[in-house]
Amino acid sequence: MAIEGMREAQEALAIEEADAWFEYLEAVRAHERTNRYDEVEPWAWARLLQRLRIVERERARLQPAAA
């Protein structure tokens, strides 16, 4: 993979990771002061972890290409 393509892939993964965190925060903050927080937070956390696992898997896939 070309260096430029590798850099773009890493940037895309960083953006995806940040987006996952923002999605979590948005979901949780929207229900912080409601009785639904206890329902929403576990879902939001599970969704965050799922998205972060995907990002990590893609980063690991890119590592051999960088070497």
C-alpha atoms as a PDB file:
ATOM      1  CA  MET A   1       0.000   0.000   0.000  1.00  0.00           C
ATOM      2  CA  ALA A   2       1.366   3.409  -0.899  1.00  0.00           C
ATOM      3  CA  ILE A   3       2.442   5.696   1.918  1.00  0.00           C
ATOM      4  CA  GLU A   4      -0.218   8.262   1.033  1.00  0.00           C
ATOM      5  CA  GLY A   5      -2.927   5.599   1.031  1.00  0.00           C
ATOM      6  CA  MET A   6      -1.675   4.297   4.369  1.00  0.00           C
ATOM      7  CA  ARG A   7      -1.798   7.784   5.872  1.00  0.00           C
ATOM      8  CA  GLU A   8      -5.342   8.301   4.595  1.00  0.00           C
ATOM      9  CA  ALA A   9      -6.426   4.954   6.031  1.00  0.00           C
ATOM     10  CA  GLN A  10      -4.939   5.845   9.434  1.00  0.00           C
ATOM     11  CA  GLU A  11      -6.664   9.238   9.373  1.00  0.00           C
ATOM     12  CA  ALA A  12      -9.982   7.617   8.467  1.00  0.00           C
ATOM     13  CA  LEU A  13      -9.611   5.227  11.406  1.00  0.00           C
ATOM     14  CA  ALA A  14      -8.803   8.110  13.762  1.00  0.00           C
ATOM     15  CA  ILE A  15     -11.914   9.926  12.563  1.00  0.00           C
ATOM     16  CA  GLU A  16     -14.005   6.783  13.036  1.00  0.00           C
ATOM     17  CA  GLU A  17     -12.661   6.362  16.580  1.00  0.00           C
ATOM     18  CA  ALA A  18     -13.447   9.967  17.466  1.00  0.00           C
ATOM     19  CA  ASP A  19     -16.894   9.648  15.933  1.00  0.00           C
ATOM     20  CA  ALA A  20     -17.572   6.558  18.048  1.00  0.00           C
ATOM     21  CA  TRP A  21     -16.703   8.467  21.229  1.00  0.00           C
ATOM     22  CA  PHE A  22     -18.832  11.443  20.206  1.00  0.00           C
ATOM     23  CA  GLU A  23     -21.765   9.149  19.479  1.00  0.00           C
ATOM     24  CA  TYR A  24     -21.411   7.626  22.949  1.00  0.00           C
ATOM     25  CA  LEU A  25     -21.223  11.018  24.657  1.00  0.00           C
ATOM     26  CA  GLU A  26     -24.169  12.359  22.700  1.00  0.00           C
ATOM     27  CA  ALA A  27     -26.332   9.362  23.587  1.00  0.00           C
ATOM     28  CA  VAL A  28     -25.418   9.452  27.262  1.00  0.00           C
ATOM     29  CA  ARG A  29     -25.671  13.203  27.702  1.00  0.00           C
ATOM     30  CA  ALA A  30     -29.090  13.258  26.084  1.00  0.00           C
ATOM     31  CA  HIS A  31     -30.382  11.021  28.894  1.00  0.00           C
ATOM     32  CA  GLU A  32     -28.228  12.039  31.875  1.00  0.00           C
ATOM     33  CA  ARG A  33     -31.078  13.714  33.682  1.00  0.00           C
ATOM     34  CA  THR A  34     -33.839  11.330  32.693  1.00  0.00           C
ATOM     35  CA  ASN A  35     -34.902   7.957  33.996  1.00  0.00           C
ATOM     36  CA  ARG A  36     -33.802   6.408  30.703  1.00  0.00           C
ATOM     37  CA  TYR A  37     -30.079   6.874  31.454  1.00  0.00           C
ATOM     38  CA  ASP A  38     -29.857   3.393  32.994  1.00  0.00           C
ATOM     39  CA  GLU A  39     -31.332   1.947  29.798  1.00  0.00           C
ATOM     40  CA  VAL A  40     -29.321   3.999  27.328  1.00  0.00           C
ATOM     41  CA  GLU A  41     -25.849   3.914  28.897  1.00  0.00           C
ATOM     42  CA  PRO A  42     -25.253   0.140  28.614  1.00  0.00           C
ATOM     43  CA  TRP A  43     -26.429   0.234  24.998  1.00  0.00           C
ATOM     44  CA  ALA A  44     -24.222   3.235  24.213  1.00  0.00           C
ATOM     45  CA  TRP A  45     -21.212   1.601  25.894  1.00  0.00           C
ATOM     46  CA  ALA A  46     -21.730  -1.659  23.994  1.00  0.00           C
ATOM     47  CA  ARG A  47     -22.037   0.262  20.717  1.00  0.00           C
ATOM     48  CA  LEU A  48     -18.864   2.216  21.519  1.00  0.00           C
ATOM     49  CA  LEU A  49     -16.908  -0.948  22.277  1.00  0.00           C
ATOM     50  CA  GLN A  50     -18.167  -2.577  19.094  1.00  0.00           C
ATOM     51  CA  ARG A  51     -17.025   0.364  16.981  1.00  0.00           C
ATOM     52  CA  LEU A  52     -13.653   0.565  18.765  1.00  0.00           C
ATOM     53  CA  ARG A  53     -13.054  -3.159  18.173  1.00  0.00           C
ATOM     54  CA  ILE A  54     -13.641  -2.619  14.466  1.00  0.00           C
ATOM     55  CA  VAL A  55     -11.180   0.284  14.437  1.00  0.00           C
ATOM     56  CA  GLU A  56      -8.551  -1.767  16.273  1.00  0.00           C
ATOM     57  CA  ARG A  57      -9.048  -4.705  13.918  1.00  0.00           C
ATOM     58  CA  GLU A  58      -8.547  -2.424  10.916  1.00  0.00           C
ATOM     59  CA  ARG A  59      -5.438  -0.869  12.487  1.00  0.00           C
ATOM     60  CA  ALA A  60      -4.008  -4.336  13.078  1.00  0.00           C
ATOM     61  CA  ARG A  61      -4.743  -5.237   9.473  1.00  0.00           C
ATOM     62  CA  LEU A  62      -2.862  -2.143   8.309  1.00  0.00           C
ATOM     63  CA  GLN A  63       0.206  -2.824  10.476  1.00  0.00           C
ATOM     64  CA  PRO A  64       1.665  -5.619   8.288  1.00  0.00           C
ATOM     65  CA  ALA A  65       1.156  -3.426   5.230  1.00  0.00           C
ATOM     66  CA  ALA A  66       3.170  -0.654   6.865  1.00  0.00           C
ATOM     67  CA  ALA A  67       6.120  -2.958   7.570  1.00  0.00           C
END
